Structure formats: C-alpha cells, structure tokens
C-alpha cells in the first residue's frame, strides 16, 4: 500500500476545494490557461528560496506553501488569476481550523524544506 505524505494530503484537500469553487463559479474558463510562458524555477523551489532569505511568519509560510502546491499542479496561468488568491486564503483558513489539516500542513512544510520563523 502506498503511504500518502503531507504534501499529497494537502493537494487532495486543495483539489476538493478547487472543485467546489469551480462548481460555484460555473464551468466558464478563459482560454489563457494554455498560453502560459515557461517558468525558470518551479513554484516550490521559489518558496524555498524566499523562505531562506526572509523571516516569514507562520501564516505567510502556509500561504506560500498552498500557493506553490496549487501552482505546481495547475500552472502559472491559474496562479495569476485574481480569484486564486481568495482560494488560497480559504484553503489556509480551512486547514488551520482542523487539527488534521494543521498536522498535514506542518508535514508538508517539513517535507518541502520550508522553515517558519
């Protein structure tokens, strides 16, 4: 049996949240998603670098981790959508309200090597 890690749990929760949000908004999507430019660094690598350079509080690190995981999964075009920021905040809030969500987020932070200050 395959063990599901912290990042996998967070990703599953985020997918469920995105599916609910998509149903609420309807299925209308813009054609911009396929026209994203190649990115030099992966989103997760960028948050590692940012966290190493700056003193980030816990909430900011959690927000960055959620953003990076979603961007890895769905692409930069989604990350640039204004509604995406609202989804990130909702996911961080939801994960913070549940003990299992907090534990999964902490495991993801450790697994990704992003330190909270």
C-alpha atoms as a PDB file:
ATOM      1  CA  UNK A   1       0.000   0.000   0.000  1.00  0.00           C
ATOM      2  CA  UNK A   2       1.279   3.480  -0.842  1.00  0.00           C
ATOM      3  CA  UNK A   3       1.708   5.941   2.005  1.00  0.00           C
ATOM      4  CA  UNK A   4       0.246   9.389   1.431  1.00  0.00           C
ATOM      5  CA  UNK A   5       2.576  12.168   2.595  1.00  0.00           C
ATOM      6  CA  UNK A   6       1.725  15.606   3.919  1.00  0.00           C
ATOM      7  CA  UNK A   7       2.019  17.281   0.521  1.00  0.00           C
ATOM      8  CA  UNK A   8      -0.266  14.647  -1.015  1.00  0.00           C
ATOM      9  CA  UNK A   9      -2.882  15.199   1.691  1.00  0.00           C
ATOM     10  CA  UNK A  10      -2.761  18.959   1.205  1.00  0.00           C
ATOM     11  CA  UNK A  11      -3.018  18.521  -2.564  1.00  0.00           C
ATOM     12  CA  UNK A  12      -6.079  16.287  -2.197  1.00  0.00           C
ATOM     13  CA  UNK A  13      -7.743  18.867   0.070  1.00  0.00           C
ATOM     14  CA  UNK A  14      -6.864  21.663  -2.327  1.00  0.00           C
ATOM     15  CA  UNK A  15      -8.265  19.780  -5.310  1.00  0.00           C
ATOM     16  CA  UNK A  16     -11.528  19.240  -3.463  1.00  0.00           C
ATOM     17  CA  UNK A  17     -11.697  22.937  -2.577  1.00  0.00           C
ATOM     18  CA  UNK A  18     -10.998  23.957  -6.170  1.00  0.00           C
ATOM     19  CA  UNK A  19     -13.681  21.617  -7.466  1.00  0.00           C
ATOM     20  CA  UNK A  20     -16.214  23.150  -5.077  1.00  0.00           C
ATOM     21  CA  UNK A  21     -15.162  26.664  -6.100  1.00  0.00           C
ATOM     22  CA  UNK A  22     -15.390  25.751  -9.784  1.00  0.00           C
ATOM     23  CA  UNK A  23     -18.916  24.412  -9.331  1.00  0.00           C
ATOM     24  CA  UNK A  24     -19.927  27.655  -7.621  1.00  0.00           C
ATOM     25  CA  UNK A  25     -18.437  29.796 -10.395  1.00  0.00           C
ATOM     26  CA  UNK A  26     -19.722  27.613 -13.191  1.00  0.00           C
ATOM     27  CA  UNK A  27     -17.616  25.950 -15.804  1.00  0.00           C
ATOM     28  CA  UNK A  28     -16.681  29.101 -17.735  1.00  0.00           C
ATOM     29  CA  UNK A  29     -12.897  29.315 -18.098  1.00  0.00           C
ATOM     30  CA  UNK A  30     -10.807  31.669 -20.123  1.00  0.00           C
ATOM     31  CA  UNK A  31      -8.537  30.396 -22.883  1.00  0.00           C
ATOM     32  CA  UNK A  32      -5.475  31.856 -21.186  1.00  0.00           C
ATOM     33  CA  UNK A  33      -4.588  28.669 -19.287  1.00  0.00           C
ATOM     34  CA  UNK A  34      -2.797  27.078 -22.239  1.00  0.00           C
ATOM     35  CA  UNK A  35      -0.739  30.132 -23.152  1.00  0.00           C
ATOM     36  CA  UNK A  36       1.475  30.304 -20.067  1.00  0.00           C
ATOM     37  CA  UNK A  37       5.137  31.082 -20.618  1.00  0.00           C
ATOM     38  CA  UNK A  38       7.746  28.611 -19.369  1.00  0.00           C
ATOM     39  CA  UNK A  39       8.917  29.325 -15.841  1.00  0.00           C
ATOM     40  CA  UNK A  40      12.589  29.210 -14.875  1.00  0.00           C
ATOM     41  CA  UNK A  41      12.067  27.801 -11.371  1.00  0.00           C
ATOM     42  CA  UNK A  42       9.352  25.578 -10.000  1.00  0.00           C
ATOM     43  CA  UNK A  43       6.961  27.332  -7.578  1.00  0.00           C
ATOM     44  CA  UNK A  44       8.054  25.118  -4.705  1.00  0.00           C
ATOM     45  CA  UNK A  45      11.707  25.957  -5.366  1.00  0.00           C
ATOM     46  CA  UNK A  46      10.845  29.656  -5.360  1.00  0.00           C
ATOM     47  CA  UNK A  47       9.181  29.472  -1.930  1.00  0.00           C
ATOM     48  CA  UNK A  48      12.161  27.588  -0.527  1.00  0.00           C
ATOM     49  CA  UNK A  49      14.444  30.368  -1.732  1.00  0.00           C
ATOM     50  CA  UNK A  50      12.126  33.090  -0.427  1.00  0.00           C
ATOM     51  CA  UNK A  51      11.805  31.442   2.986  1.00  0.00           C
ATOM     52  CA  UNK A  52      15.583  31.091   3.219  1.00  0.00           C
ATOM     53  CA  UNK A  53      16.102  34.806   2.550  1.00  0.00           C
ATOM     54  CA  UNK A  54      13.339  36.324   4.672  1.00  0.00           C
ATOM     55  CA  UNK A  55      11.864  35.957   8.134  1.00  0.00           C
ATOM     56  CA  UNK A  56       8.364  34.766   7.309  1.00  0.00           C
ATOM     57  CA  UNK A  57       5.652  34.256   9.877  1.00  0.00           C
ATOM     58  CA  UNK A  58       3.710  31.016  10.089  1.00  0.00           C
ATOM     59  CA  UNK A  59       0.647  32.274   8.189  1.00  0.00           C
ATOM     60  CA  UNK A  60       2.777  33.631   5.353  1.00  0.00           C
ATOM     61  CA  UNK A  61       4.690  30.348   5.004  1.00  0.00           C
ATOM     62  CA  UNK A  62       1.442  28.378   4.950  1.00  0.00           C
ATOM     63  CA  UNK A  63       0.011  30.697   2.306  1.00  0.00           C
ATOM     64  CA  UNK A  64       3.159  30.310   0.200  1.00  0.00           C
ATOM     65  CA  UNK A  65       3.088  26.526   0.504  1.00  0.00           C
ATOM     66  CA  UNK A  66      -0.553  26.331  -0.588  1.00  0.00           C
ATOM     67  CA  UNK A  67       0.131  28.704  -3.478  1.00  0.00           C
ATOM     68  CA  UNK A  68       3.185  26.711  -4.573  1.00  0.00           C
ATOM     69  CA  UNK A  69       1.395  23.364  -4.434  1.00  0.00           C
ATOM     70  CA  UNK A  70      -1.562  24.670  -6.421  1.00  0.00           C
ATOM     71  CA  UNK A  71       0.676  26.410  -8.928  1.00  0.00           C
ATOM     72  CA  UNK A  72       2.735  23.219  -9.375  1.00  0.00           C
ATOM     73  CA  UNK A  73      -0.456  21.302 -10.019  1.00  0.00           C
ATOM     74  CA  UNK A  74      -2.456  23.726 -12.147  1.00  0.00           C
ATOM     75  CA  UNK A  75       0.125  26.042 -13.741  1.00  0.00           C
ATOM     76  CA  UNK A  76       1.173  29.671 -13.614  1.00  0.00           C
ATOM     77  CA  UNK A  77      -1.876  30.882 -15.539  1.00  0.00           C
ATOM     78  CA  UNK A  78      -4.156  29.822 -12.683  1.00  0.00           C
ATOM     79  CA  UNK A  79      -1.804  31.398 -10.140  1.00  0.00           C
ATOM     80  CA  UNK A  80      -2.132  34.757 -11.880  1.00  0.00           C
ATOM     81  CA  UNK A  81      -5.934  34.736 -11.614  1.00  0.00           C
ATOM     82  CA  UNK A  82      -7.205  37.236  -9.023  1.00  0.00           C
ATOM     83  CA  UNK A  83      -9.710  34.712  -7.667  1.00  0.00           C
ATOM     84  CA  UNK A  84      -6.812  32.349  -6.992  1.00  0.00           C
ATOM     85  CA  UNK A  85      -5.667  34.489  -4.049  1.00  0.00           C
ATOM     86  CA  UNK A  86      -9.093  34.128  -2.463  1.00  0.00           C
ATOM     87  CA  UNK A  87      -8.943  30.353  -2.890  1.00  0.00           C
ATOM     88  CA  UNK A  88      -5.509  30.300  -1.240  1.00  0.00           C
ATOM     89  CA  UNK A  89      -6.836  32.223   1.762  1.00  0.00           C
ATOM     90  CA  UNK A  90      -9.849  29.923   2.044  1.00  0.00           C
ATOM     91  CA  UNK A  91      -7.673  26.813   1.922  1.00  0.00           C
ATOM     92  CA  UNK A  92      -5.219  28.144   4.522  1.00  0.00           C
ATOM     93  CA  UNK A  93      -8.138  29.050   6.792  1.00  0.00           C
ATOM     94  CA  UNK A  94      -9.792  25.655   6.324  1.00  0.00           C
ATOM     95  CA  UNK A  95      -6.568  23.797   7.050  1.00  0.00           C
ATOM     96  CA  UNK A  96      -5.977  25.919  10.139  1.00  0.00           C
ATOM     97  CA  UNK A  97      -9.419  25.184  11.548  1.00  0.00           C
ATOM     98  CA  UNK A  98      -8.949  21.413  11.586  1.00  0.00           C
ATOM     99  CA  UNK A  99      -6.378  19.517  13.660  1.00  0.00           C
ATOM    100  CA  UNK A 100      -5.705  17.052  10.838  1.00  0.00           C
ATOM    101  CA  UNK A 101      -5.379  19.933   8.388  1.00  0.00           C
ATOM    102  CA  UNK A 102      -2.846  21.692  10.612  1.00  0.00           C
ATOM    103  CA  UNK A 103      -0.879  18.463  11.011  1.00  0.00           C
ATOM    104  CA  UNK A 104      -0.914  17.803   7.260  1.00  0.00           C
ATOM    105  CA  UNK A 105       0.234  21.351   6.564  1.00  0.00           C
ATOM    106  CA  UNK A 106       3.072  21.040   9.066  1.00  0.00           C
ATOM    107  CA  UNK A 107       4.183  17.766   7.476  1.00  0.00           C
ATOM    108  CA  UNK A 108       4.082  19.410   4.043  1.00  0.00           C
ATOM    109  CA  UNK A 109       6.197  22.326   5.289  1.00  0.00           C
ATOM    110  CA  UNK A 110       8.773  19.933   6.722  1.00  0.00           C
ATOM    111  CA  UNK A 111       8.689  17.711   3.631  1.00  0.00           C
ATOM    112  CA  UNK A 112       9.203  20.700   1.343  1.00  0.00           C
ATOM    113  CA  UNK A 113      12.030  22.026   3.497  1.00  0.00           C
ATOM    114  CA  UNK A 114      10.407  25.406   4.097  1.00  0.00           C
ATOM    115  CA  UNK A 115      11.053  26.735   7.583  1.00  0.00           C
ATOM    116  CA  UNK A 116       8.755  29.002   9.546  1.00  0.00           C
ATOM    117  CA  UNK A 117      10.489  31.708  11.577  1.00  0.00           C
END
